[in-house]
Protein backbone atom coordinates (compact mmCIF):
# COMPACT_ATOMS: atom_id res chain seq x y z
CA MET A 1 -22.78 60.95 -46.65
CA MET A 2 -23.66 57.26 -46.92
CA ARG A 3 -20.00 56.28 -46.65
CA VAL A 4 -19.43 58.39 -43.56
CA LEU A 5 -22.12 56.72 -41.40
CA PRO A 6 -20.60 53.21 -41.41
CA ARG A 7 -17.16 54.62 -40.66
CA LEU A 8 -18.55 56.73 -37.84
CA ALA A 9 -20.50 53.79 -36.41
CA PHE A 10 -17.46 51.51 -36.63
CA GLY A 11 -15.24 54.14 -35.00
CA ALA A 12 -17.74 54.72 -32.18
CA ALA A 13 -18.06 50.97 -31.56
CA ALA A 14 -14.27 50.59 -31.44
CA VAL A 15 -13.94 53.46 -28.96
CA LEU A 16 -16.71 52.06 -26.73
CA LEU A 17 -15.15 48.60 -26.81
CA ALA A 18 -11.73 49.95 -25.88
CA CYS A 19 -13.15 52.05 -23.03
CA SER A 20 -15.17 49.18 -21.58
CA ALA A 21 -12.22 46.78 -21.78
CA GLY A 22 -9.91 49.36 -20.23
CA GLY A 23 -12.32 49.99 -17.38
CA CYS A 24 -12.57 46.29 -16.54
CA SER A 25 -8.85 45.60 -16.69
CA ASP A 26 -8.28 47.06 -13.24
CA GLN A 27 -10.95 44.82 -11.74
CA VAL A 28 -9.76 41.66 -13.47
CA THR A 29 -6.49 41.36 -11.59
CA GLY A 30 -7.48 43.15 -8.39
CA LEU A 31 -5.09 42.72 -5.49
CA GLN A 32 -4.78 38.96 -5.84
CA PRO A 33 -1.74 37.57 -7.64
CA LEU A 34 -2.33 35.68 -10.84
CA ARG A 35 -2.61 31.92 -10.44
CA LYS A 36 -0.50 29.50 -12.42
CA PHE A 37 -2.11 27.72 -15.35
CA SER A 38 -1.43 24.31 -13.82
CA ASP A 39 -3.34 25.37 -10.68
CA LEU A 40 -6.28 26.52 -12.77
CA VAL A 41 -6.40 23.28 -14.77
CA ARG A 42 -5.91 21.06 -11.70
CA PRO A 43 -9.62 20.60 -10.86
CA TYR A 44 -10.25 19.25 -14.35
CA LYS A 45 -7.50 16.66 -14.20
CA LYS A 46 -8.36 13.17 -13.08
CA THR A 47 -4.93 12.36 -11.65
CA LEU A 48 -3.91 12.69 -8.02
CA THR A 49 -0.62 13.85 -6.63
CA GLN A 50 1.57 11.32 -4.84
CA ALA A 51 0.48 12.57 -1.41
CA GLU A 52 -3.20 12.43 -2.42
CA GLN A 53 -2.75 8.89 -3.74
CA GLU A 54 -1.17 7.74 -0.49
CA ALA A 55 -3.90 9.40 1.57
CA ALA A 56 -6.63 7.79 -0.53
CA ILE A 57 -5.03 4.34 -0.28
CA THR A 58 -4.63 4.67 3.48
CA GLU A 59 -8.23 5.79 3.86
CA LEU A 60 -9.51 2.87 1.77
CA GLN A 61 -7.42 0.39 3.72
CA ASP A 62 -8.71 1.79 7.03
CA GLU A 63 -12.30 1.57 5.81
CA ALA A 64 -11.79 -2.01 4.60
CA GLU A 65 -10.25 -3.00 7.95
CA LYS A 66 -13.04 -1.31 9.87
CA HIS A 67 -15.65 -3.03 7.70
CA LYS A 68 -13.92 -6.38 8.18
CA ASN A 69 -13.80 -5.90 11.98
CA THR A 70 -17.43 -4.82 12.10
CA GLU A 71 -18.45 -7.82 10.04
CA GLY A 72 -16.63 -10.14 12.45
CA GLU A 73 -18.36 -8.55 15.45
CA VAL A 74 -21.77 -8.97 13.87
CA GLU A 75 -21.13 -12.64 13.19
CA SER A 76 -19.82 -13.30 16.69
CA THR A 77 -22.68 -11.51 18.46
CA ALA A 78 -25.44 -12.92 16.33
CA SER A 79 -26.80 -16.18 17.59
CA VAL A 80 -29.05 -18.50 15.69
CA THR A 81 -31.76 -19.98 17.86
CA PRO A 82 -34.11 -22.52 16.39
CA ALA A 83 -37.78 -21.67 16.38
CA ALA A 84 -39.83 -23.31 19.11
CA ALA A 85 -41.62 -26.40 17.87
CA GLN A 86 -45.37 -26.28 18.23
């Protein structure tokens, strides 16, 4: 009798595990197609694609040019007037 209980418990656990995994398998895939591994790993990579690199460089150059133009406008509009002598 003592040898039957562990076997029965193990068998019941195996059946429950198989049933729960089988029930979830339909929900795992759903109607969406599976994504490629490279697409799943992409957010964790630190590299950019060629198009992303070009877009980032262009954006940085535009920001630098805008900052340079704004800096020039501030210098040209700012006037230094000496304080009135008392």
